[in-house]
Amino acid sequence: MEKCFNLVINAVLLILPLMFMITMYGQIIKKLNALKFTERRNENYFVIFKTKNADQENSLNKNNGQ
């Protein structure tokens, strides 16, 4: 009976840190993915902004040329 009890306690003590590590690892991965997504979105915004500015400059140059 006592051996069985010790086995159960050891199993629980072994599983708890593993569960904690797995959940923390999952949260870290979520945060990293969110960071990647925001970086990608900022890059896309920057590209759109640059192309809009280039289009405006081209139209200004065309108007000045006429």
PDB file of N, CA and C in Angstrom:
ATOM      1  N   MET A   1       0.841  -1.214   0.000  1.00  0.00           N
ATOM      2  CA  MET A   1       0.000   0.000   0.000  1.00  0.00           C
ATOM      3  C   MET A   1       0.873   1.259   0.000  1.00  0.00           C
ATOM      4  N   GLU A   2       1.885   1.257   0.858  1.00  0.00           N
ATOM      5  CA  GLU A   2       2.743   2.437   0.945  1.00  0.00           C
ATOM      6  C   GLU A   2       3.556   2.626  -0.342  1.00  0.00           C
ATOM      7  N   LYS A   3       3.997   1.511  -0.940  1.00  0.00           N
ATOM      8  CA  LYS A   3       4.749   1.608  -2.199  1.00  0.00           C
ATOM      9  C   LYS A   3       3.878   2.217  -3.294  1.00  0.00           C
ATOM     10  N   CYS A   4       2.647   1.781  -3.351  1.00  0.00           N
ATOM     11  CA  CYS A   4       1.706   2.301  -4.355  1.00  0.00           C
ATOM     12  C   CYS A   4       1.497   3.804  -4.153  1.00  0.00           C
ATOM     13  N   PHE A   5       1.348   4.210  -2.892  1.00  0.00           N
ATOM     14  CA  PHE A   5       1.150   5.620  -2.561  1.00  0.00           C
ATOM     15  C   PHE A   5       2.356   6.449  -3.002  1.00  0.00           C
ATOM     16  N   ASN A   6       3.568   5.951  -2.705  1.00  0.00           N
ATOM     17  CA  ASN A   6       4.790   6.663  -3.100  1.00  0.00           C
ATOM     18  C   ASN A   6       4.896   6.765  -4.614  1.00  0.00           C
ATOM     19  N   LEU A   7       4.492   5.715  -5.302  1.00  0.00           N
ATOM     20  CA  LEU A   7       4.555   5.706  -6.767  1.00  0.00           C
ATOM     21  C   LEU A   7       3.632   6.781  -7.345  1.00  0.00           C
ATOM     22  N   VAL A   8       2.418   6.878  -6.762  1.00  0.00           N
ATOM     23  CA  VAL A   8       1.459   7.882  -7.241  1.00  0.00           C
ATOM     24  C   VAL A   8       2.004   9.281  -6.998  1.00  0.00           C
ATOM     25  N   ILE A   9       2.574   9.516  -5.831  1.00  0.00           N
ATOM     26  CA  ILE A   9       3.110  10.851  -5.515  1.00  0.00           C
ATOM     27  C   ILE A   9       4.262  11.193  -6.454  1.00  0.00           C
ATOM     28  N   ASN A  10       5.147  10.231  -6.688  1.00  0.00           N
ATOM     29  CA  ASN A  10       6.272  10.486  -7.594  1.00  0.00           C
ATOM     30  C   ASN A  10       5.785  10.781  -9.003  1.00  0.00           C
ATOM     31  N   ALA A  11       4.768  10.059  -9.449  1.00  0.00           N
ATOM     32  CA  ALA A  11       4.233  10.286 -10.790  1.00  0.00           C
ATOM     33  C   ALA A  11       3.655  11.698 -10.895  1.00  0.00           C
ATOM     34  N   VAL A  12       2.904  12.116  -9.871  1.00  0.00           N
ATOM     35  CA  VAL A  12       2.303  13.456  -9.894  1.00  0.00           C
ATOM     36  C   VAL A  12       3.395  14.517  -9.879  1.00  0.00           C
ATOM     37  N   LEU A  13       4.412  14.330  -9.029  1.00  0.00           N
ATOM     38  CA  LEU A  13       5.486  15.319  -8.947  1.00  0.00           C
ATOM     39  C   LEU A  13       6.281  15.382 -10.254  1.00  0.00           C
ATOM     40  N   LEU A  14       6.341  14.275 -10.980  1.00  0.00           N
ATOM     41  CA  LEU A  14       7.043  14.270 -12.258  1.00  0.00           C
ATOM     42  C   LEU A  14       6.199  14.930 -13.356  1.00  0.00           C
ATOM     43  N   ILE A  15       4.893  14.703 -13.294  1.00  0.00           N
ATOM     44  CA  ILE A  15       4.014  15.206 -14.362  1.00  0.00           C
ATOM     45  C   ILE A  15       3.775  16.711 -14.232  1.00  0.00           C
ATOM     46  N   LEU A  16       3.666  17.229 -13.012  1.00  0.00           N
ATOM     47  CA  LEU A  16       3.360  18.649 -12.838  1.00  0.00           C
ATOM     48  C   LEU A  16       4.377  19.572 -13.514  1.00  0.00           C
ATOM     49  N   PRO A  17       5.680  19.401 -13.278  1.00  0.00           N
ATOM     50  CA  PRO A  17       6.633  20.287 -13.969  1.00  0.00           C
ATOM     51  C   PRO A  17       6.592  20.117 -15.482  1.00  0.00           C
ATOM     52  N   LEU A  18       6.367  18.892 -15.945  1.00  0.00           N
ATOM     53  CA  LEU A  18       6.285  18.672 -17.391  1.00  0.00           C
ATOM     54  C   LEU A  18       5.111  19.438 -17.985  1.00  0.00           C
ATOM     55  N   MET A  19       3.956  19.376 -17.314  1.00  0.00           N
ATOM     56  CA  MET A  19       2.784  20.108 -17.801  1.00  0.00           C
ATOM     57  C   MET A  19       3.069  21.610 -17.808  1.00  0.00           C
ATOM     58  N   PHE A  20       3.697  22.078 -16.748  1.00  0.00           N
ATOM     59  CA  PHE A  20       4.024  23.503 -16.643  1.00  0.00           C
ATOM     60  C   PHE A  20       4.942  23.920 -17.801  1.00  0.00           C
ATOM     61  N   MET A  21       5.980  23.086 -18.051  1.00  0.00           N
ATOM     62  CA  MET A  21       6.924  23.408 -19.123  1.00  0.00           C
ATOM     63  C   MET A  21       6.225  23.427 -20.479  1.00  0.00           C
ATOM     64  N   ILE A  22       5.328  22.472 -20.698  1.00  0.00           N
ATOM     65  CA  ILE A  22       4.636  22.402 -21.990  1.00  0.00           C
ATOM     66  C   ILE A  22       3.760  23.637 -22.191  1.00  0.00           C
ATOM     67  N   THR A  23       3.032  24.046 -21.135  1.00  0.00           N
ATOM     68  CA  THR A  23       2.162  25.213 -21.289  1.00  0.00           C
ATOM     69  C   THR A  23       2.987  26.480 -21.507  1.00  0.00           C
ATOM     70  N   MET A  24       4.091  26.618 -20.767  1.00  0.00           N
ATOM     71  CA  MET A  24       4.929  27.799 -20.940  1.00  0.00           C
ATOM     72  C   MET A  24       5.515  27.830 -22.351  1.00  0.00           C
ATOM     73  N   TYR A  25       5.950  26.679 -22.842  1.00  0.00           N
ATOM     74  CA  TYR A  25       6.515  26.582 -24.186  1.00  0.00           C
ATOM     75  C   TYR A  25       5.469  26.994 -25.225  1.00  0.00           C
ATOM     76  N   GLY A  26       4.223  26.540 -25.032  1.00  0.00           N
ATOM     77  CA  GLY A  26       3.150  26.899 -25.952  1.00  0.00           C
ATOM     78  C   GLY A  26       2.900  28.399 -25.955  1.00  0.00           C
ATOM     79  N   GLN A  27       2.909  29.015 -24.776  1.00  0.00           N
ATOM     80  CA  GLN A  27       2.669  30.456 -24.708  1.00  0.00           C
ATOM     81  C   GLN A  27       3.801  31.230 -25.358  1.00  0.00           C
ATOM     82  N   ILE A  28       5.047  30.760 -25.157  1.00  0.00           N
ATOM     83  CA  ILE A  28       6.192  31.441 -25.773  1.00  0.00           C
ATOM     84  C   ILE A  28       6.079  31.366 -27.294  1.00  0.00           C
ATOM     85  N   ILE A  29       5.698  30.190 -27.810  1.00  0.00           N
ATOM     86  CA  ILE A  29       5.547  30.034 -29.259  1.00  0.00           C
ATOM     87  C   ILE A  29       4.452  30.961 -29.775  1.00  0.00           C
ATOM     88  N   LYS A  30       3.344  31.076 -29.043  1.00  0.00           N
ATOM     89  CA  LYS A  30       2.257  31.971 -29.458  1.00  0.00           C
ATOM     90  C   LYS A  30       2.762  33.407 -29.555  1.00  0.00           C
ATOM     91  N   LYS A  31       3.524  33.837 -28.543  1.00  0.00           N
ATOM     92  CA  LYS A  31       4.025  35.208 -28.546  1.00  0.00           C
ATOM     93  C   LYS A  31       4.985  35.430 -29.710  1.00  0.00           C
ATOM     94  N   LEU A  32       5.842  34.448 -29.980  1.00  0.00           N
ATOM     95  CA  LEU A  32       6.785  34.593 -31.094  1.00  0.00           C
ATOM     96  C   LEU A  32       6.033  34.683 -32.419  1.00  0.00           C
ATOM     97  N   ASN A  33       5.003  33.866 -32.593  1.00  0.00           N
ATOM     98  CA  ASN A  33       4.225  33.916 -33.831  1.00  0.00           C
ATOM     99  C   ASN A  33       3.532  35.264 -33.965  1.00  0.00           C
ATOM    100  N   ALA A  34       3.028  35.797 -32.858  1.00  0.00           N
ATOM    101  CA  ALA A  34       2.373  37.107 -32.905  1.00  0.00           C
ATOM    102  C   ALA A  34       3.381  38.175 -33.314  1.00  0.00           C
ATOM    103  N   LEU A  35       4.602  38.094 -32.786  1.00  0.00           N
ATOM    104  CA  LEU A  35       5.631  39.069 -33.152  1.00  0.00           C
ATOM    105  C   LEU A  35       5.952  38.975 -34.635  1.00  0.00           C
ATOM    106  N   LYS A  36       6.099  37.743 -35.135  1.00  0.00           N
ATOM    107  CA  LYS A  36       6.389  37.569 -36.566  1.00  0.00           C
ATOM    108  C   LYS A  36       5.277  38.197 -37.400  1.00  0.00           C
ATOM    109  N   PHE A  37       4.023  37.971 -36.979  1.00  0.00           N
ATOM    110  CA  PHE A  37       2.887  38.484 -37.742  1.00  0.00           C
ATOM    111  C   PHE A  37       2.903  40.011 -37.776  1.00  0.00           C
ATOM    112  N   THR A  38       3.187  40.645 -36.633  1.00  0.00           N
ATOM    113  CA  THR A  38       3.193  42.111 -36.607  1.00  0.00           C
ATOM    114  C   THR A  38       4.340  42.640 -37.460  1.00  0.00           C
ATOM    115  N   GLU A  39       5.511  41.977 -37.424  1.00  0.00           N
ATOM    116  CA  GLU A  39       6.634  42.432 -38.251  1.00  0.00           C
ATOM    117  C   GLU A  39       6.251  42.367 -39.723  1.00  0.00           C
ATOM    118  N   ARG A  40       5.630  41.250 -40.120  1.00  0.00           N
ATOM    119  CA  ARG A  40       5.259  41.073 -41.520  1.00  0.00           C
ATOM    120  C   ARG A  40       4.246  42.147 -41.929  1.00  0.00           C
ATOM    121  N   ARG A  41       3.295  42.438 -41.033  1.00  0.00           N
ATOM    122  CA  ARG A  41       2.270  43.437 -41.348  1.00  0.00           C
ATOM    123  C   ARG A  41       2.918  44.816 -41.510  1.00  0.00           C
ATOM    124  N   ASN A  42       3.887  45.135 -40.634  1.00  0.00           N
ATOM    125  CA  ASN A  42       4.562  46.425 -40.733  1.00  0.00           C
ATOM    126  C   ASN A  42       5.334  46.532 -42.040  1.00  0.00           C
ATOM    127  N   GLU A  43       5.985  45.421 -42.444  1.00  0.00           N
ATOM    128  CA  GLU A  43       6.723  45.441 -43.704  1.00  0.00           C
ATOM    129  C   GLU A  43       5.768  45.702 -44.860  1.00  0.00           C
ATOM    130  N   ASN A  44       4.620  45.020 -44.860  1.00  0.00           N
ATOM    131  CA  ASN A  44       3.652  45.208 -45.933  1.00  0.00           C
ATOM    132  C   ASN A  44       3.166  46.655 -45.960  1.00  0.00           C
ATOM    133  N   TYR A  45       2.915  47.218 -44.784  1.00  0.00           N
ATOM    134  CA  TYR A  45       2.458  48.601 -44.727  1.00  0.00           C
ATOM    135  C   TYR A  45       3.519  49.534 -45.294  1.00  0.00           C
ATOM    136  N   PHE A  46       4.768  49.246 -44.952  1.00  0.00           N
ATOM    137  CA  PHE A  46       5.870  50.084 -45.423  1.00  0.00           C
ATOM    138  C   PHE A  46       5.971  50.019 -46.948  1.00  0.00           C
ATOM    139  N   VAL A  47       5.824  48.813 -47.493  1.00  0.00           N
ATOM    140  CA  VAL A  47       5.890  48.659 -48.952  1.00  0.00           C
ATOM    141  C   VAL A  47       4.755  49.428 -49.616  1.00  0.00           C
ATOM    142  N   ILE A  48       3.545  49.317 -49.061  1.00  0.00           N
ATOM    143  CA  ILE A  48       2.395  50.036 -49.627  1.00  0.00           C
ATOM    144  C   ILE A  48       2.643  51.546 -49.554  1.00  0.00           C
ATOM    145  N   PHE A  49       3.163  51.987 -48.418  1.00  0.00           N
ATOM    146  CA  PHE A  49       3.416  53.414 -48.230  1.00  0.00           C
ATOM    147  C   PHE A  49       4.439  53.911 -49.249  1.00  0.00           C
ATOM    148  N   LYS A  50       5.503  53.139 -49.450  1.00  0.00           N
ATOM    149  CA  LYS A  50       6.538  53.537 -50.403  1.00  0.00           C
ATOM    150  C   LYS A  50       5.976  53.605 -51.814  1.00  0.00           C
ATOM    151  N   THR A  51       5.180  52.618 -52.199  1.00  0.00           N
ATOM    152  CA  THR A  51       4.638  52.624 -53.571  1.00  0.00           C
ATOM    153  C   THR A  51       3.667  53.787 -53.743  1.00  0.00           C
ATOM    154  N   LYS A  52       2.893  54.122 -52.703  1.00  0.00           N
ATOM    155  CA  LYS A  52       1.980  55.271 -52.824  1.00  0.00           C
ATOM    156  C   LYS A  52       2.783  56.550 -53.029  1.00  0.00           C
ATOM    157  N   ASN A  53       3.864  56.706 -52.254  1.00  0.00           N
ATOM    158  CA  ASN A  53       4.690  57.905 -52.404  1.00  0.00           C
ATOM    159  C   ASN A  53       5.306  57.960 -53.792  1.00  0.00           C
ATOM    160  N   ALA A  54       5.764  56.819 -54.292  1.00  0.00           N
ATOM    161  CA  ALA A  54       6.363  56.785 -55.626  1.00  0.00           C
ATOM    162  C   ALA A  54       5.327  57.168 -56.676  1.00  0.00           C
ATOM    163  N   ASP A  55       4.091  56.679 -56.528  1.00  0.00           N
ATOM    164  CA  ASP A  55       3.033  57.028 -57.482  1.00  0.00           C
ATOM    165  C   ASP A  55       2.751  58.529 -57.446  1.00  0.00           C
ATOM    166  N   GLN A  56       2.724  59.091 -56.251  1.00  0.00           N
ATOM    167  CA  GLN A  56       2.473  60.528 -56.140  1.00  0.00           C
ATOM    168  C   GLN A  56       3.594  61.318 -56.807  1.00  0.00           C
ATOM    169  N   GLU A  57       4.838  60.893 -56.595  1.00  0.00           N
ATOM    170  CA  GLU A  57       5.970  61.599 -57.199  1.00  0.00           C
ATOM    171  C   GLU A  57       5.901  61.497 -58.719  1.00  0.00           C
ATOM    172  N   ASN A  58       5.550  60.323 -59.222  1.00  0.00           N
ATOM    173  CA  ASN A  58       5.443  60.158 -60.671  1.00  0.00           C
ATOM    174  C   ASN A  58       4.369  61.070 -61.249  1.00  0.00           C
ATOM    175  N   SER A  59       3.222  61.157 -60.568  1.00  0.00           N
ATOM    176  CA  SER A  59       2.145  62.011 -61.082  1.00  0.00           C
ATOM    177  C   SER A  59       2.570  63.481 -61.021  1.00  0.00           C
ATOM    178  N   LEU A  60       3.319  63.867 -59.972  1.00  0.00           N
ATOM    179  CA  LEU A  60       3.802  65.246 -59.882  1.00  0.00           C
ATOM    180  C   LEU A  60       4.759  65.539 -61.035  1.00  0.00           C
ATOM    181  N   ASN A  61       5.650  64.579 -61.302  1.00  0.00           N
ATOM    182  CA  ASN A  61       6.606  64.772 -62.395  1.00  0.00           C
ATOM    183  C   ASN A  61       5.882  64.906 -63.730  1.00  0.00           C
ATOM    184  N   LYS A  62       4.827  64.103 -63.939  1.00  0.00           N
ATOM    185  CA  LYS A  62       4.069  64.184 -65.192  1.00  0.00           C
ATOM    186  C   LYS A  62       3.393  65.556 -65.319  1.00  0.00           C
ATOM    187  N   ASN A  63       2.829  66.027 -64.190  1.00  0.00           N
ATOM    188  CA  ASN A  63       2.142  67.325 -64.236  1.00  0.00           C
ATOM    189  C   ASN A  63       3.131  68.455 -64.500  1.00  0.00           C
ATOM    190  N   ASN A  64       4.316  68.363 -63.925  1.00  0.00           N
ATOM    191  CA  ASN A  64       5.319  69.409 -64.142  1.00  0.00           C
ATOM    192  C   ASN A  64       5.830  69.378 -65.574  1.00  0.00           C
ATOM    193  N   GLY A  65       5.872  68.178 -66.140  1.00  0.00           N
ATOM    194  CA  GLY A  65       6.378  68.053 -67.505  1.00  0.00           C
ATOM    195  C   GLY A  65       5.447  68.660 -68.526  1.00  0.00           C
ATOM    196  N   GLN A  66       4.151  68.708 -68.251  1.00  0.00           N
ATOM    197  CA  GLN A  66       3.199  69.220 -69.260  1.00  0.00           C
ATOM    198  C   GLN A  66       3.233  70.738 -69.336  1.00  0.00           C
TER     199      GLN A  66
END
